[in-house]
Amino acid sequence: MNSFSALIRTASHEQHTEAETSAFMTDLLGGRLGVAAYARYTEQLWFVYEALESGAGRLAADPVAGPFIRPELLRLPALERDLAHLRGAGWRAGLSALPATRAYADRVRACAERWPGGYVAHHYTRYLGDLSGGQIIRDRAERTWGFARKGDGVRFYVFEGLSNPAAFKRSYRELLDAIAVDDLEKQRMVAECKRAFALNTAVFRALGEEFPLSA
């Protein structure tokens, strides 16, 4: 019997690759887009994490989602520092979500309010992604736009509360394997995980339309 963490990882592999290889992300990581595109992407992340984290407190005691709620993961304060650095002190006034971002954030919020298993699927795709591929983005952003190493502009990618990210990821997968749900619910969670990647890819597509590279 395959472990649930392996199942969820394998099931979403295709969507994960699609998100990582989107034209926008490829252009951004390739240094072909300006810092304005990076700032716009960071702004979209704010809406998703606001939905993910504003409901976290309510779920702390939930038997399914509760074990995953960890204060050292919270990204909103770091995102807000990055946005202040990228956009200036009045960044909140100019904050706007793309329609694709709003759809993504709305889905996360709905799961946070009504479906703990679905919330865990979104939690997993975001935070484990940030701890993995997110580190590549941080490294490229520092080199491309000259941000201080692990400083303002890239704080979102810096998990200061995790001394050993590799060990944390292992313990996270152990939590997934021990999750108190039946097989049908696990299947629903895998499907939600795929949906999370699709929603994320739609945001990349919309950003790609907003920041097309001149041919």
C-alpha atoms as a PDB file:
ATOM      1  CA  MET A   1       0.000   0.000   0.000  1.00  0.00           C
ATOM      2  CA  ASN A   2       1.488   3.319  -1.071  1.00  0.00           C
ATOM      3  CA  SER A   3       1.600   5.998   1.599  1.00  0.00           C
ATOM      4  CA  PHE A   4      -0.861   8.872   1.239  1.00  0.00           C
ATOM      5  CA  SER A   5       1.952  11.445   0.998  1.00  0.00           C
ATOM      6  CA  ALA A   6       3.442   9.499  -1.929  1.00  0.00           C
ATOM      7  CA  LEU A   7       0.013   9.179  -3.528  1.00  0.00           C
ATOM      8  CA  ILE A   8      -0.755  12.896  -3.309  1.00  0.00           C
ATOM      9  CA  ARG A   9       2.711  13.778  -4.591  1.00  0.00           C
ATOM     10  CA  THR A  10       2.494  11.457  -7.598  1.00  0.00           C
ATOM     11  CA  ALA A  11      -1.083  12.378  -8.446  1.00  0.00           C
ATOM     12  CA  SER A  12      -0.285  16.068  -8.728  1.00  0.00           C
ATOM     13  CA  HIS A  13       3.072  15.653 -10.485  1.00  0.00           C
ATOM     14  CA  GLU A  14       1.766  16.507 -13.952  1.00  0.00           C
ATOM     15  CA  GLN A  15       0.018  19.697 -12.805  1.00  0.00           C
ATOM     16  CA  HIS A  16       3.062  20.635 -10.742  1.00  0.00           C
ATOM     17  CA  THR A  17       5.279  20.456 -13.823  1.00  0.00           C
ATOM     18  CA  GLU A  18       2.766  22.473 -15.830  1.00  0.00           C
ATOM     19  CA  ALA A  19       2.756  25.234 -13.200  1.00  0.00           C
ATOM     20  CA  GLU A  20       6.550  25.314 -12.947  1.00  0.00           C
ATOM     21  CA  THR A  21       7.047  25.453 -16.696  1.00  0.00           C
ATOM     22  CA  SER A  22       4.430  28.144 -17.413  1.00  0.00           C
ATOM     23  CA  ALA A  23       5.672  30.848 -19.809  1.00  0.00           C
ATOM     24  CA  PHE A  24       5.389  33.528 -17.117  1.00  0.00           C
ATOM     25  CA  MET A  25       7.450  31.598 -14.557  1.00  0.00           C
ATOM     26  CA  THR A  26      10.002  30.586 -17.196  1.00  0.00           C
ATOM     27  CA  ASP A  27      10.388  34.216 -18.304  1.00  0.00           C
ATOM     28  CA  LEU A  28      10.515  35.472 -14.724  1.00  0.00           C
ATOM     29  CA  LEU A  29      13.154  32.953 -13.629  1.00  0.00           C
ATOM     30  CA  GLY A  30      15.061  33.495 -16.847  1.00  0.00           C
ATOM     31  CA  GLY A  31      15.500  37.160 -15.937  1.00  0.00           C
ATOM     32  CA  ARG A  32      13.562  38.283 -19.014  1.00  0.00           C
ATOM     33  CA  LEU A  33      10.892  40.178 -17.073  1.00  0.00           C
ATOM     34  CA  GLY A  34      11.352  43.292 -14.981  1.00  0.00           C
ATOM     35  CA  VAL A  35      10.879  43.690 -11.270  1.00  0.00           C
ATOM     36  CA  ALA A  36       7.322  44.999 -11.929  1.00  0.00           C
ATOM     37  CA  ALA A  37       6.280  41.488 -13.005  1.00  0.00           C
ATOM     38  CA  TYR A  38       7.817  40.026  -9.852  1.00  0.00           C
ATOM     39  CA  ALA A  39       5.989  42.618  -7.727  1.00  0.00           C
ATOM     40  CA  ARG A  40       2.683  41.812  -9.464  1.00  0.00           C
ATOM     41  CA  TYR A  41       3.212  38.100  -8.826  1.00  0.00           C
ATOM     42  CA  THR A  42       4.017  38.804  -5.159  1.00  0.00           C
ATOM     43  CA  GLU A  43       0.816  40.837  -4.938  1.00  0.00           C
ATOM     44  CA  GLN A  44      -1.232  37.889  -6.244  1.00  0.00           C
ATOM     45  CA  LEU A  45       0.357  35.644  -3.619  1.00  0.00           C
ATOM     46  CA  TRP A  46      -0.888  38.036  -0.927  1.00  0.00           C
ATOM     47  CA  PHE A  47      -4.530  37.274  -1.836  1.00  0.00           C
ATOM     48  CA  VAL A  48      -3.976  33.518  -1.773  1.00  0.00           C
ATOM     49  CA  TYR A  49      -2.151  33.531   1.562  1.00  0.00           C
ATOM     50  CA  GLU A  50      -4.634  35.925   3.105  1.00  0.00           C
ATOM     51  CA  ALA A  51      -7.323  33.322   2.326  1.00  0.00           C
ATOM     52  CA  LEU A  52      -5.134  30.474   3.553  1.00  0.00           C
ATOM     53  CA  GLU A  53      -4.000  32.106   6.782  1.00  0.00           C
ATOM     54  CA  SER A  54      -6.973  34.189   7.885  1.00  0.00           C
ATOM     55  CA  GLY A  55      -8.892  30.942   8.472  1.00  0.00           C
ATOM     56  CA  ALA A  56      -6.009  29.047  10.068  1.00  0.00           C
ATOM     57  CA  GLY A  57      -6.848  29.988  13.660  1.00  0.00           C
ATOM     58  CA  ARG A  58     -10.341  28.514  13.408  1.00  0.00           C
ATOM     59  CA  LEU A  59      -8.921  25.221  12.167  1.00  0.00           C
ATOM     60  CA  ALA A  60      -6.222  24.835  14.826  1.00  0.00           C
ATOM     61  CA  ALA A  61      -8.429  22.511  16.908  1.00  0.00           C
ATOM     62  CA  ASP A  62      -9.795  20.563  13.922  1.00  0.00           C
ATOM     63  CA  PRO A  63      -8.797  16.866  14.026  1.00  0.00           C
ATOM     64  CA  VAL A  64      -7.990  16.776  10.301  1.00  0.00           C
ATOM     65  CA  ALA A  65      -6.476  20.207   9.581  1.00  0.00           C
ATOM     66  CA  GLY A  66      -5.277  21.123  13.078  1.00  0.00           C
ATOM     67  CA  PRO A  67      -1.965  19.208  13.047  1.00  0.00           C
ATOM     68  CA  PHE A  68      -0.891  21.122   9.914  1.00  0.00           C
ATOM     69  CA  ILE A  69      -1.485  24.598  11.362  1.00  0.00           C
ATOM     70  CA  ARG A  70       1.983  25.770  12.345  1.00  0.00           C
ATOM     71  CA  PRO A  71       2.743  29.412  13.211  1.00  0.00           C
ATOM     72  CA  GLU A  72       6.274  29.133  11.792  1.00  0.00           C
ATOM     73  CA  LEU A  73       4.789  28.577   8.326  1.00  0.00           C
ATOM     74  CA  LEU A  74       2.723  31.788   8.212  1.00  0.00           C
ATOM     75  CA  ARG A  75       3.745  33.903   5.229  1.00  0.00           C
ATOM     76  CA  LEU A  76       1.494  36.961   5.361  1.00  0.00           C
ATOM     77  CA  PRO A  77       3.760  39.193   7.506  1.00  0.00           C
ATOM     78  CA  ALA A  78       6.736  38.392   5.238  1.00  0.00           C
ATOM     79  CA  LEU A  79       4.667  39.039   2.096  1.00  0.00           C
ATOM     80  CA  GLU A  80       3.596  42.405   3.488  1.00  0.00           C
ATOM     81  CA  ARG A  81       7.200  43.400   4.152  1.00  0.00           C
ATOM     82  CA  ASP A  82       8.124  42.363   0.622  1.00  0.00           C
ATOM     83  CA  LEU A  83       5.256  44.375  -0.861  1.00  0.00           C
ATOM     84  CA  ALA A  84       6.214  47.453   1.169  1.00  0.00           C
ATOM     85  CA  HIS A  85       9.734  47.087  -0.217  1.00  0.00           C
ATOM     86  CA  LEU A  86       8.558  46.500  -3.797  1.00  0.00           C
ATOM     87  CA  ARG A  87       5.692  48.980  -3.923  1.00  0.00           C
ATOM     88  CA  GLY A  88       6.340  51.469  -1.130  1.00  0.00           C
ATOM     89  CA  ALA A  89       4.513  52.209   2.109  1.00  0.00           C
ATOM     90  CA  GLY A  90       1.153  52.715   0.377  1.00  0.00           C
ATOM     91  CA  TRP A  91       1.178  49.280  -1.262  1.00  0.00           C
ATOM     92  CA  ARG A  92      -2.232  48.331   0.159  1.00  0.00           C
ATOM     93  CA  ALA A  93      -4.009  51.088  -1.747  1.00  0.00           C
ATOM     94  CA  GLY A  94      -2.877  49.684  -5.095  1.00  0.00           C
ATOM     95  CA  LEU A  95      -3.541  46.040  -4.274  1.00  0.00           C
ATOM     96  CA  SER A  96      -5.598  44.280  -6.945  1.00  0.00           C
ATOM     97  CA  ALA A  97      -6.336  40.635  -7.638  1.00  0.00           C
ATOM     98  CA  LEU A  98      -6.497  39.209 -11.130  1.00  0.00           C
ATOM     99  CA  PRO A  99      -9.790  37.325 -11.743  1.00  0.00           C
ATOM    100  CA  ALA A 100      -7.820  34.044 -11.726  1.00  0.00           C
ATOM    101  CA  THR A 101      -6.306  34.985  -8.365  1.00  0.00           C
ATOM    102  CA  ARG A 102      -9.709  35.823  -6.937  1.00  0.00           C
ATOM    103  CA  ALA A 103     -11.043  32.420  -8.042  1.00  0.00           C
ATOM    104  CA  TYR A 104      -8.070  30.706  -6.390  1.00  0.00           C
ATOM    105  CA  ALA A 105      -8.389  32.675  -3.126  1.00  0.00           C
ATOM    106  CA  ASP A 106     -12.164  32.109  -3.042  1.00  0.00           C
ATOM    107  CA  ARG A 107     -11.668  28.348  -3.359  1.00  0.00           C
ATOM    108  CA  VAL A 108      -9.070  28.324  -0.573  1.00  0.00           C
ATOM    109  CA  ARG A 109     -11.398  30.360   1.655  1.00  0.00           C
ATOM    110  CA  ALA A 110     -14.354  28.058   0.949  1.00  0.00           C
ATOM    111  CA  CYS A 111     -12.273  25.016   1.950  1.00  0.00           C
ATOM    112  CA  ALA A 112     -11.034  26.789   5.092  1.00  0.00           C
ATOM    113  CA  GLU A 113     -14.628  27.490   6.081  1.00  0.00           C
ATOM    114  CA  ARG A 114     -16.299  24.220   5.127  1.00  0.00           C
ATOM    115  CA  TRP A 115     -13.905  21.403   4.287  1.00  0.00           C
ATOM    116  CA  PRO A 116     -10.810  20.717   6.431  1.00  0.00           C
ATOM    117  CA  GLY A 117      -9.538  17.980   4.091  1.00  0.00           C
ATOM    118  CA  GLY A 118      -9.669  20.353   1.139  1.00  0.00           C
ATOM    119  CA  TYR A 119      -7.916  23.005   3.203  1.00  0.00           C
ATOM    120  CA  VAL A 120      -5.073  20.554   3.885  1.00  0.00           C
ATOM    121  CA  ALA A 121      -4.765  19.907   0.119  1.00  0.00           C
ATOM    122  CA  HIS A 122      -4.247  23.654  -0.484  1.00  0.00           C
ATOM    123  CA  HIS A 123      -1.972  23.969   2.546  1.00  0.00           C
ATOM    124  CA  TYR A 124       0.211  21.151   1.220  1.00  0.00           C
ATOM    125  CA  THR A 125       0.496  22.504  -2.325  1.00  0.00           C
ATOM    126  CA  ARG A 126       1.430  25.984  -1.105  1.00  0.00           C
ATOM    127  CA  TYR A 127       3.801  25.512   1.806  1.00  0.00           C
ATOM    128  CA  LEU A 128       5.664  22.456   0.592  1.00  0.00           C
ATOM    129  CA  GLY A 129       6.028  24.177  -2.780  1.00  0.00           C
ATOM    130  CA  ASP A 130       7.410  27.299  -1.100  1.00  0.00           C
ATOM    131  CA  LEU A 131       9.952  25.210   0.776  1.00  0.00           C
ATOM    132  CA  SER A 132      11.050  23.482  -2.432  1.00  0.00           C
ATOM    133  CA  GLY A 133      10.705  25.354  -5.731  1.00  0.00           C
ATOM    134  CA  GLY A 134      10.240  28.627  -3.885  1.00  0.00           C
ATOM    135  CA  GLN A 135      13.916  28.563  -2.965  1.00  0.00           C
ATOM    136  CA  ILE A 136      14.862  28.617  -6.653  1.00  0.00           C
ATOM    137  CA  ILE A 137      12.673  31.705  -7.134  1.00  0.00           C
ATOM    138  CA  ARG A 138      14.350  33.421  -4.172  1.00  0.00           C
ATOM    139  CA  ASP A 139      17.828  32.712  -5.505  1.00  0.00           C
ATOM    140  CA  ARG A 140      16.953  34.004  -8.996  1.00  0.00           C
ATOM    141  CA  ALA A 141      15.190  37.086  -7.633  1.00  0.00           C
ATOM    142  CA  GLU A 142      18.202  38.009  -5.497  1.00  0.00           C
ATOM    143  CA  ARG A 143      20.525  37.700  -8.476  1.00  0.00           C
ATOM    144  CA  THR A 144      18.231  39.302 -11.073  1.00  0.00           C
ATOM    145  CA  TRP A 145      16.946  42.314  -9.127  1.00  0.00           C
ATOM    146  CA  GLY A 146      19.648  42.687  -6.507  1.00  0.00           C
ATOM    147  CA  PHE A 147      17.615  42.015  -3.363  1.00  0.00           C
ATOM    148  CA  ALA A 148      19.674  41.467  -0.226  1.00  0.00           C
ATOM    149  CA  ARG A 149      20.155  37.763   0.446  1.00  0.00           C
ATOM    150  CA  LYS A 150      17.055  36.579   2.332  1.00  0.00           C
ATOM    151  CA  GLY A 151      16.137  40.241   2.794  1.00  0.00           C
ATOM    152  CA  ASP A 152      13.315  42.623   1.882  1.00  0.00           C
ATOM    153  CA  GLY A 153      11.756  41.597  -1.427  1.00  0.00           C
ATOM    154  CA  VAL A 154      12.292  37.866  -0.913  1.00  0.00           C
ATOM    155  CA  ARG A 155      11.283  37.379   2.744  1.00  0.00           C
ATOM    156  CA  PHE A 156       8.256  35.385   1.600  1.00  0.00           C
ATOM    157  CA  TYR A 157      10.637  32.556   0.658  1.00  0.00           C
ATOM    158  CA  VAL A 158      12.585  32.650   3.938  1.00  0.00           C
ATOM    159  CA  PHE A 159      11.220  30.400   6.685  1.00  0.00           C
ATOM    160  CA  GLU A 160      13.099  31.751   9.672  1.00  0.00           C
ATOM    161  CA  GLY A 161      11.144  29.552  12.081  1.00  0.00           C
ATOM    162  CA  LEU A 162      12.305  26.333  10.398  1.00  0.00           C
ATOM    163  CA  SER A 163      15.886  25.472  11.275  1.00  0.00           C
ATOM    164  CA  ASN A 164      15.816  22.325   9.136  1.00  0.00           C
ATOM    165  CA  PRO A 165      13.414  22.528   6.148  1.00  0.00           C
ATOM    166  CA  ALA A 166      14.257  18.997   4.943  1.00  0.00           C
ATOM    167  CA  ALA A 167      13.342  17.524   8.331  1.00  0.00           C
ATOM    168  CA  PHE A 168      10.199  19.648   8.406  1.00  0.00           C
ATOM    169  CA  LYS A 169       9.108  18.340   5.000  1.00  0.00           C
ATOM    170  CA  ARG A 170       9.638  14.775   6.239  1.00  0.00           C
ATOM    171  CA  SER A 171       7.529  15.422   9.351  1.00  0.00           C
ATOM    172  CA  TYR A 172       4.851  17.078   7.185  1.00  0.00           C
ATOM    173  CA  ARG A 173       4.655  13.966   4.993  1.00  0.00           C
ATOM    174  CA  GLU A 174       4.365  11.835   8.132  1.00  0.00           C
ATOM    175  CA  LEU A 175       1.391  13.983   9.199  1.00  0.00           C
ATOM    176  CA  LEU A 176      -0.206  13.378   5.786  1.00  0.00           C
ATOM    177  CA  ASP A 177       0.335   9.627   6.146  1.00  0.00           C
ATOM    178  CA  ALA A 178      -1.311   9.680   9.569  1.00  0.00           C
ATOM    179  CA  ILE A 179      -4.259  11.900   8.566  1.00  0.00           C
ATOM    180  CA  ALA A 180      -7.523  10.791  10.172  1.00  0.00           C
ATOM    181  CA  VAL A 181      -9.694  10.383   7.053  1.00  0.00           C
ATOM    182  CA  ASP A 182     -10.987   7.423   5.060  1.00  0.00           C
ATOM    183  CA  ASP A 183      -9.910   6.399   1.559  1.00  0.00           C
ATOM    184  CA  LEU A 184     -12.771   8.208  -0.158  1.00  0.00           C
ATOM    185  CA  GLU A 185     -11.810  11.456   1.563  1.00  0.00           C
ATOM    186  CA  LYS A 186      -8.179  10.874   0.559  1.00  0.00           C
ATOM    187  CA  GLN A 187      -9.294  10.599  -3.064  1.00  0.00           C
ATOM    188  CA  ARG A 188     -11.234  13.851  -2.721  1.00  0.00           C
ATOM    189  CA  MET A 189      -8.138  15.502  -1.239  1.00  0.00           C
ATOM    190  CA  VAL A 190      -5.970  14.302  -4.126  1.00  0.00           C
ATOM    191  CA  ALA A 191      -8.523  15.781  -6.547  1.00  0.00           C
ATOM    192  CA  GLU A 192      -8.435  19.083  -4.619  1.00  0.00           C
ATOM    193  CA  CYS A 193      -4.664  19.067  -4.783  1.00  0.00           C
ATOM    194  CA  LYS A 194      -4.890  18.805  -8.569  1.00  0.00           C
ATOM    195  CA  ARG A 195      -7.424  21.618  -8.535  1.00  0.00           C
ATOM    196  CA  ALA A 196      -5.046  23.779  -6.489  1.00  0.00           C
ATOM    197  CA  PHE A 197      -2.327  23.343  -9.101  1.00  0.00           C
ATOM    198  CA  ALA A 198      -4.803  24.150 -11.892  1.00  0.00           C
ATOM    199  CA  LEU A 199      -5.897  27.337 -10.084  1.00  0.00           C
ATOM    200  CA  ASN A 200      -2.270  28.323  -9.597  1.00  0.00           C
ATOM    201  CA  THR A 201      -1.480  27.669 -13.263  1.00  0.00           C
ATOM    202  CA  ALA A 202      -4.430  29.889 -14.263  1.00  0.00           C
ATOM    203  CA  VAL A 203      -2.845  32.728 -12.248  1.00  0.00           C
ATOM    204  CA  PHE A 204       0.445  32.209 -14.096  1.00  0.00           C
ATOM    205  CA  ARG A 205      -1.431  32.260 -17.403  1.00  0.00           C
ATOM    206  CA  ALA A 206      -3.132  35.550 -16.496  1.00  0.00           C
ATOM    207  CA  LEU A 207       0.201  37.046 -15.412  1.00  0.00           C
ATOM    208  CA  GLY A 208       1.704  35.880 -18.696  1.00  0.00           C
ATOM    209  CA  GLU A 209      -1.008  37.796 -20.567  1.00  0.00           C
ATOM    210  CA  GLU A 210      -0.298  40.892 -18.501  1.00  0.00           C
ATOM    211  CA  PHE A 211       3.468  40.641 -19.020  1.00  0.00           C
ATOM    212  CA  PRO A 212       3.930  39.206 -22.520  1.00  0.00           C
ATOM    213  CA  LEU A 213       7.462  39.172 -23.832  1.00  0.00           C
ATOM    214  CA  SER A 214       7.719  41.091 -27.069  1.00  0.00           C
ATOM    215  CA  ALA A 215       8.361  38.535 -29.766  1.00  0.00           C
END
